[in-house]
Amino acid sequence: MEKLSSKALFLLVLALIVIAAVFISFQGNEEEQLTIGIIQIVEHPALDAARDGFVDYLNENGYVVDEDVVYDMQNAQGDMANANTIARKFSNDKPDMILAIATPTAQAVANVVKDIPILITAVTDPVDAGLVESAEKPGGNVTGTNDMNPIDQQFDLIVDFVPEVKRVGIIYNAGESNSLVQVELAKDVAKELGIELVEATADNSAAVLQAAQSLADRVDAIYVPTDNTVVSAVESVVKVAEDNDIPLITGEGTTVKRGALATVGIDYYGLGEQTGAMALKILKGEAEPATMPIESQRDAKLIINKKAAEAMAVTIPDELLDKANEIIE
């Protein structure tokens, strides 16, 4: 009996040691595991692509999802009240880093979070939005990438498709500061080209169709910048363009894949990867947001949708097809 009791005691002690080792290991892993909060203003393919590019880049460079890092992904569903609530949540939860996608959500987070590194992306003008002191020296806890459009190249593209163009409609949400910046740039470019810019605004996605319809008999082409409200409902603009044989040029590639005619624009997945590379430097202690310049995307891509051209009764010049980085059949 005594021998059996000793054996039982030995097994009990061994089991306790194993349990303790597992517990300590688990606690150690939890301490090493990072948390990154992600907030975006609304779901649409461009912003989703920026998010995916960011996560994939870190995953491929040593921060494996659910092993080394956990993401707290939040979506404001186009509502600034939601964005402010999420920002306060992050302020209380204290993640190791925050990724803010699009201008409104970046502003919401930057207003309340001052002690956590914030990476931004899909923000047109971080200086104008009050997020950083300057693009070269942000000066605080915010840095990242902008998605400033090559608007001059996009209007040149309109002229390539419609050489006789006189009036171009532009649809945007006047409540988005990133869109106001683009509209002002578009006005300057249009003036240089001798084109009249006709504005139509939509303050929510449900109003996009009406805004597009208001342009139908007044313009030779329609232009949609990287406006989150309009892009989230760009199919409404596509329908009006197709019904009225109006070329639709947009500010980024995912909208062309969704039915717009063409763009010389941003690759948002690549922009997300570029933001991920900046985040990696911060996580490794190699840099701080205050001294990391805001970066722009290095290469814009010419994307053309042949099916959209047919639906809008547009002839694609051969020279554009020859130059295109991507052709959607």
Protein backbone atom coordinates (compact mmCIF):
# COMPACT_ATOMS: atom_id res chain seq x y z
CA MET A 1 0.00 0.00 0.00
CA GLU A 2 2.84 2.36 0.91
CA LYS A 3 4.53 1.70 -2.46
CA LEU A 4 1.29 2.42 -4.31
CA SER A 5 0.76 5.67 -2.37
CA SER A 6 4.28 6.84 -3.23
CA LYS A 7 3.65 6.14 -6.88
CA ALA A 8 0.36 8.01 -6.76
CA LEU A 9 2.04 10.93 -5.05
CA PHE A 10 4.78 10.95 -7.66
CA LEU A 11 2.21 11.01 -10.47
CA LEU A 12 0.29 13.80 -8.77
CA VAL A 13 3.40 15.93 -8.39
CA LEU A 14 4.38 15.26 -12.00
CA ALA A 15 0.92 16.26 -13.20
CA LEU A 16 1.10 19.50 -11.21
CA ILE A 17 4.50 20.30 -12.70
CA VAL A 18 3.18 19.75 -16.22
CA ILE A 19 0.11 21.90 -15.56
CA ALA A 20 2.27 24.66 -14.11
CA ALA A 21 4.62 24.56 -17.10
CA VAL A 22 1.72 24.78 -19.54
CA PHE A 23 0.20 27.67 -17.59
CA ILE A 24 3.49 29.57 -17.48
CA SER A 25 4.02 28.97 -21.20
CA PHE A 26 0.51 30.18 -21.96
CA GLN A 27 0.99 33.27 -19.85
CA GLY A 28 4.29 33.97 -21.58
CA ASN A 29 2.69 33.69 -25.03
CA GLU A 30 -0.12 36.00 -23.97
CA GLU A 31 2.39 38.58 -22.82
CA GLU A 32 4.26 38.39 -26.12
CA GLN A 33 1.10 38.52 -28.25
CA LEU A 34 0.35 41.96 -29.65
CA THR A 35 -3.05 43.52 -30.16
CA ILE A 36 -3.67 45.86 -33.09
CA GLY A 37 -6.95 47.71 -33.35
CA ILE A 38 -8.25 48.34 -36.88
CA ILE A 39 -10.98 50.86 -37.64
CA GLN A 40 -12.41 51.72 -41.05
CA ILE A 41 -15.23 54.08 -41.92
CA VAL A 42 -17.22 51.70 -44.13
CA GLU A 43 -16.93 48.41 -45.96
CA HIS A 44 -16.08 48.65 -49.62
CA PRO A 45 -13.47 46.81 -51.71
CA ALA A 46 -10.85 49.57 -51.74
CA LEU A 47 -10.74 50.01 -47.96
CA ASP A 48 -11.01 46.26 -47.42
CA ALA A 49 -8.03 45.79 -49.74
CA ALA A 50 -5.95 48.31 -47.77
CA ARG A 51 -6.77 46.44 -44.56
CA ASP A 52 -5.91 43.06 -46.09
CA GLY A 53 -2.61 44.36 -47.49
CA PHE A 54 -1.60 45.63 -44.05
CA VAL A 55 -2.48 42.38 -42.25
CA ASP A 56 -0.90 40.18 -44.93
CA TYR A 57 2.36 42.16 -44.88
CA LEU A 58 2.75 41.78 -41.12
CA ASN A 59 1.71 38.13 -41.29
CA GLU A 60 4.44 37.46 -43.86
CA ASN A 61 7.04 39.30 -41.80
CA GLY A 62 6.88 37.55 -38.45
CA TYR A 63 3.57 38.70 -36.98
CA VAL A 64 1.38 35.68 -37.56
CA VAL A 65 -2.35 36.19 -37.08
CA ASP A 66 -3.66 34.70 -33.80
CA GLU A 67 -0.16 33.60 -32.78
CA ASP A 68 1.96 36.75 -32.57
CA VAL A 69 -0.81 39.30 -33.07
CA VAL A 70 -4.56 39.59 -32.56
CA TYR A 71 -6.58 42.12 -34.56
CA ASP A 72 -9.56 43.93 -33.08
CA MET A 73 -11.36 44.85 -36.31
CA GLN A 74 -14.06 47.50 -36.09
CA ASN A 75 -16.24 49.07 -38.78
CA ALA A 76 -18.08 52.36 -38.32
CA GLN A 77 -20.63 51.53 -41.05
CA GLY A 78 -20.38 55.06 -42.42
CA ASP A 79 -21.50 56.63 -39.14
CA MET A 80 -19.24 59.13 -37.35
CA ALA A 81 -20.99 58.48 -34.04
CA ASN A 82 -19.92 54.85 -34.39
CA ALA A 83 -16.39 55.95 -35.31
CA ASN A 84 -16.14 58.08 -32.17
CA THR A 85 -17.42 55.21 -30.03
CA ILE A 86 -14.83 52.84 -31.50
CA ALA A 87 -12.10 55.43 -30.94
CA ARG A 88 -13.03 55.67 -27.25
CA LYS A 89 -13.06 51.86 -27.03
CA PHE A 90 -9.50 51.73 -28.36
CA SER A 91 -8.46 54.48 -25.97
CA ASN A 92 -9.73 52.39 -23.05
CA ASP A 93 -8.48 49.01 -24.33
CA LYS A 94 -4.94 50.22 -25.02
CA PRO A 95 -3.94 48.04 -28.00
CA ASP A 96 -0.27 48.08 -28.98
CA MET A 97 -1.05 49.85 -32.26
CA ILE A 98 -4.03 51.19 -34.22
CA LEU A 99 -4.61 51.13 -37.96
CA ALA A 100 -7.11 53.80 -39.04
CA ILE A 101 -8.45 53.41 -42.57
CA ALA A 102 -9.90 56.53 -44.28
CA THR A 103 -9.93 60.15 -43.18
CA PRO A 104 -13.03 60.28 -40.92
CA THR A 105 -11.99 57.31 -38.81
CA ALA A 106 -8.39 58.51 -38.64
CA GLN A 107 -9.65 61.85 -37.29
CA ALA A 108 -11.89 60.12 -34.76
CA VAL A 109 -9.05 58.01 -33.36
CA ALA A 110 -6.39 60.74 -33.44
CA ASN A 111 -8.68 63.07 -31.48
CA VAL A 112 -8.80 60.78 -28.44
CA VAL A 113 -5.74 58.49 -28.61
CA LYS A 114 -2.46 60.24 -27.90
CA ASP A 115 -0.31 57.51 -26.32
CA ILE A 116 -0.54 54.66 -28.86
CA PRO A 117 1.08 54.54 -32.33
CA ILE A 118 -1.56 55.18 -35.01
CA LEU A 119 -0.94 54.12 -38.61
CA ILE A 120 -3.25 55.70 -41.16
CA THR A 121 -4.01 54.72 -44.74
CA ALA A 122 -6.48 55.75 -47.45
CA VAL A 123 -6.26 59.32 -46.13
CA THR A 124 -6.03 61.85 -48.92
CA ASP A 125 -4.34 64.76 -47.13
CA PRO A 126 -3.26 64.06 -43.52
CA VAL A 127 -2.10 67.66 -43.03
CA ASP A 128 -5.36 69.22 -44.22
CA ALA A 129 -7.26 66.70 -42.07
CA GLY A 130 -5.34 67.90 -38.99
CA LEU A 131 -3.76 64.52 -38.34
CA VAL A 132 -0.09 65.53 -38.58
CA GLU A 133 1.95 68.70 -38.34
CA SER A 134 3.54 68.11 -41.73
CA ALA A 135 3.93 65.23 -44.16
CA GLU A 136 7.71 65.27 -43.69
CA LYS A 137 7.65 65.40 -39.87
CA PRO A 138 4.29 64.25 -38.47
CA GLY A 139 5.33 65.29 -34.96
CA GLY A 140 2.96 63.13 -32.90
CA ASN A 141 1.78 59.53 -32.65
CA VAL A 142 0.31 59.40 -36.17
CA THR A 143 1.96 58.44 -39.47
CA GLY A 144 1.18 56.24 -42.46
CA THR A 145 0.24 56.53 -46.12
CA ASN A 146 -1.94 58.88 -48.13
CA ASP A 147 -4.05 58.00 -51.14
CA MET A 148 -3.73 61.30 -52.96
CA ASN A 149 -4.95 60.73 -56.47
CA PRO A 150 -3.12 61.67 -59.67
CA ILE A 151 -6.17 63.77 -60.57
CA ASP A 152 -4.39 65.46 -63.47
CA GLN A 153 -3.73 62.05 -65.06
CA GLN A 154 -7.32 61.00 -64.47
CA PHE A 155 -8.67 64.07 -66.26
CA ASP A 156 -6.21 63.49 -69.08
CA LEU A 157 -7.78 60.03 -69.29
CA ILE A 158 -11.22 61.61 -69.66
CA VAL A 159 -9.91 63.68 -72.56
CA ASP A 160 -8.40 60.55 -74.12
CA PHE A 161 -11.82 58.88 -74.11
CA VAL A 162 -13.83 62.01 -74.95
CA PRO A 163 -11.63 64.47 -76.88
CA GLU A 164 -14.53 66.92 -77.29
CA VAL A 165 -15.41 66.92 -73.57
CA LYS A 166 -16.82 70.21 -72.27
CA ARG A 167 -18.50 69.33 -68.98
CA VAL A 168 -17.52 66.71 -66.39
CA GLY A 169 -19.71 65.78 -63.46
CA ILE A 170 -18.10 65.03 -60.10
CA ILE A 171 -19.96 63.20 -57.32
CA TYR A 172 -18.79 63.42 -53.71
CA ASN A 173 -19.82 63.73 -50.07
CA ALA A 174 -19.29 67.32 -48.95
CA GLY A 175 -18.90 66.05 -45.39
CA GLU A 176 -15.67 64.19 -46.19
CA SER A 177 -12.65 66.46 -45.92
CA ASN A 178 -10.64 64.12 -48.14
CA SER A 179 -13.21 64.65 -50.90
CA LEU A 180 -13.19 68.43 -50.55
CA VAL A 181 -9.42 68.40 -51.12
CA GLN A 182 -9.89 66.35 -54.29
CA VAL A 183 -12.70 68.55 -55.57
CA GLU A 184 -10.52 71.65 -55.25
CA LEU A 185 -7.71 69.92 -57.13
CA ALA A 186 -10.19 68.75 -59.79
CA LYS A 187 -11.41 72.33 -60.24
CA ASP A 188 -7.85 73.50 -60.90
CA VAL A 189 -7.15 70.68 -63.35
CA ALA A 190 -10.47 71.15 -65.15
CA LYS A 191 -9.85 74.88 -65.50
CA GLU A 192 -6.45 74.26 -67.09
CA LEU A 193 -8.08 71.90 -69.59
CA GLY A 194 -10.95 74.28 -70.36
CA ILE A 195 -13.50 71.89 -68.83
CA GLU A 196 -16.49 72.94 -66.74
CA LEU A 197 -16.85 70.92 -63.54
CA VAL A 198 -20.44 70.17 -62.53
CA GLU A 199 -20.81 69.15 -58.88
CA ALA A 200 -23.32 66.73 -57.37
CA THR A 201 -23.21 65.77 -53.69
CA ALA A 202 -24.45 62.80 -51.70
CA ASP A 203 -24.27 62.73 -47.91
CA ASN A 204 -24.98 58.99 -47.67
CA SER A 205 -24.86 55.95 -49.93
CA ALA A 206 -28.62 56.01 -50.53
CA ALA A 207 -28.29 59.48 -52.09
CA VAL A 208 -25.64 58.47 -54.63
CA LEU A 209 -28.10 57.31 -57.29
CA GLN A 210 -30.02 60.58 -57.19
CA ALA A 211 -26.78 62.58 -57.40
CA ALA A 212 -25.70 60.60 -60.46
CA GLN A 213 -29.12 60.97 -62.09
CA SER A 214 -28.94 64.73 -61.62
CA LEU A 215 -25.89 64.77 -63.94
CA ALA A 216 -27.25 62.49 -66.64
CA ASP A 217 -28.31 65.08 -69.21
CA ARG A 218 -25.80 67.76 -68.26
CA VAL A 219 -22.31 66.26 -68.66
CA ASP A 220 -20.06 64.51 -71.19
CA ALA A 221 -18.36 62.34 -68.56
CA ILE A 222 -18.60 61.56 -64.85
CA TYR A 223 -15.70 61.46 -62.39
CA VAL A 224 -15.78 59.82 -58.95
CA PRO A 225 -12.82 60.60 -56.65
CA THR A 226 -11.79 58.36 -53.75
CA ASP A 227 -14.87 59.36 -51.78
CA ASN A 228 -15.91 56.66 -49.30
CA THR A 229 -19.63 57.40 -49.52
CA VAL A 230 -19.81 57.34 -53.31
CA VAL A 231 -17.42 54.42 -53.74
CA SER A 232 -19.51 52.33 -51.33
CA ALA A 233 -22.44 52.73 -53.78
CA VAL A 234 -20.57 53.12 -57.06
CA GLU A 235 -22.84 50.57 -58.77
CA SER A 236 -25.53 53.27 -58.73
CA VAL A 237 -23.26 55.60 -60.70
CA VAL A 238 -22.34 52.76 -63.08
CA LYS A 239 -26.02 52.18 -63.83
CA VAL A 240 -26.61 55.85 -64.70
CA ALA A 241 -23.46 55.91 -66.85
CA GLU A 242 -24.56 52.81 -68.75
CA ASP A 243 -28.16 53.98 -69.19
CA ASN A 244 -27.03 57.31 -70.62
CA ASP A 245 -23.83 56.33 -72.50
CA ILE A 246 -21.63 58.47 -70.26
CA PRO A 247 -18.00 57.48 -69.63
CA LEU A 248 -17.30 56.97 -65.92
CA ILE A 249 -13.73 57.58 -64.73
CA THR A 250 -12.87 56.86 -61.11
CA GLY A 251 -10.08 57.42 -58.61
CA GLU A 252 -9.03 53.82 -57.93
CA GLY A 253 -8.94 50.32 -59.35
CA THR A 254 -11.60 48.43 -57.42
CA THR A 255 -14.32 50.68 -58.80
CA VAL A 256 -13.23 49.81 -62.34
CA LYS A 257 -13.58 46.14 -61.46
CA ARG A 258 -17.09 46.98 -60.23
CA GLY A 259 -18.13 48.53 -63.53
CA ALA A 260 -16.47 51.92 -64.05
CA LEU A 261 -14.69 52.53 -67.36
CA ALA A 262 -11.10 53.28 -66.31
CA THR A 263 -8.69 54.87 -63.89
CA VAL A 264 -5.09 55.84 -63.45
CA GLY A 265 -5.21 55.19 -59.78
CA ILE A 266 -4.33 53.73 -56.46
CA ASP A 267 -3.72 50.05 -55.75
CA TYR A 268 -5.17 49.89 -52.25
CA TYR A 269 -3.83 46.45 -51.42
CA GLY A 270 -0.34 47.72 -52.25
CA LEU A 271 -1.00 50.84 -50.17
CA GLY A 272 -1.92 48.61 -47.24
CA GLU A 273 1.29 46.63 -47.67
CA GLN A 274 3.28 49.87 -47.71
CA THR A 275 1.57 50.91 -44.47
CA GLY A 276 2.37 47.49 -43.00
CA ALA A 277 6.05 48.02 -43.77
CA MET A 278 5.94 51.27 -41.80
CA ALA A 279 4.17 49.52 -38.92
CA LEU A 280 6.84 46.83 -38.87
CA LYS A 281 9.56 49.43 -38.29
CA ILE A 282 7.63 50.84 -35.34
CA LEU A 283 6.93 47.42 -33.83
CA LYS A 284 10.63 46.54 -34.07
CA GLY A 285 11.62 49.80 -32.39
CA GLU A 286 13.45 51.05 -35.47
CA ALA A 287 11.38 54.23 -35.86
CA GLU A 288 8.74 56.38 -34.20
CA PRO A 289 5.62 57.91 -35.82
CA ALA A 290 6.71 61.45 -34.99
CA THR A 291 9.71 61.25 -37.31
CA MET A 292 8.38 58.93 -40.04
CA PRO A 293 7.26 60.92 -43.11
CA ILE A 294 3.83 60.27 -44.57
CA GLU A 295 4.32 58.11 -47.67
CA SER A 296 2.52 58.19 -51.03
CA GLN A 297 1.98 55.23 -53.30
CA ARG A 298 4.90 54.88 -55.63
CA ASP A 299 3.15 53.74 -58.82
CA ALA A 300 -0.34 54.46 -60.16
CA LYS A 301 -1.88 51.89 -62.49
CA LEU A 302 -3.89 52.33 -65.68
CA ILE A 303 -6.85 49.95 -65.50
CA ILE A 304 -9.46 49.67 -68.26
CA ASN A 305 -12.75 47.77 -68.26
CA LYS A 306 -13.66 46.63 -71.80
CA LYS A 307 -17.09 45.40 -70.78
CA ALA A 308 -17.87 48.80 -69.24
CA ALA A 309 -16.71 50.56 -72.42
CA GLU A 310 -19.20 48.52 -74.42
CA ALA A 311 -22.01 49.22 -71.95
CA MET A 312 -21.27 52.97 -72.03
CA ALA A 313 -20.86 53.04 -75.84
CA VAL A 314 -17.24 54.19 -75.53
CA THR A 315 -14.45 53.39 -77.97
CA ILE A 316 -11.14 52.63 -76.26
CA PRO A 317 -8.17 54.22 -78.06
CA ASP A 318 -5.55 51.63 -79.05
CA GLU A 319 -2.78 53.61 -77.40
CA LEU A 320 -4.55 53.31 -74.03
CA LEU A 321 -4.91 49.56 -74.43
CA ASP A 322 -1.20 49.36 -75.19
CA LYS A 323 -0.31 51.31 -72.04
CA ALA A 324 -2.77 49.60 -69.68
CA ASN A 325 -1.41 47.77 -66.65
CA GLU A 326 -4.63 45.78 -66.39
CA ILE A 327 -7.47 45.16 -68.83
CA ILE A 328 -10.76 43.78 -67.55
CA GLU A 329 -12.49 41.85 -70.32
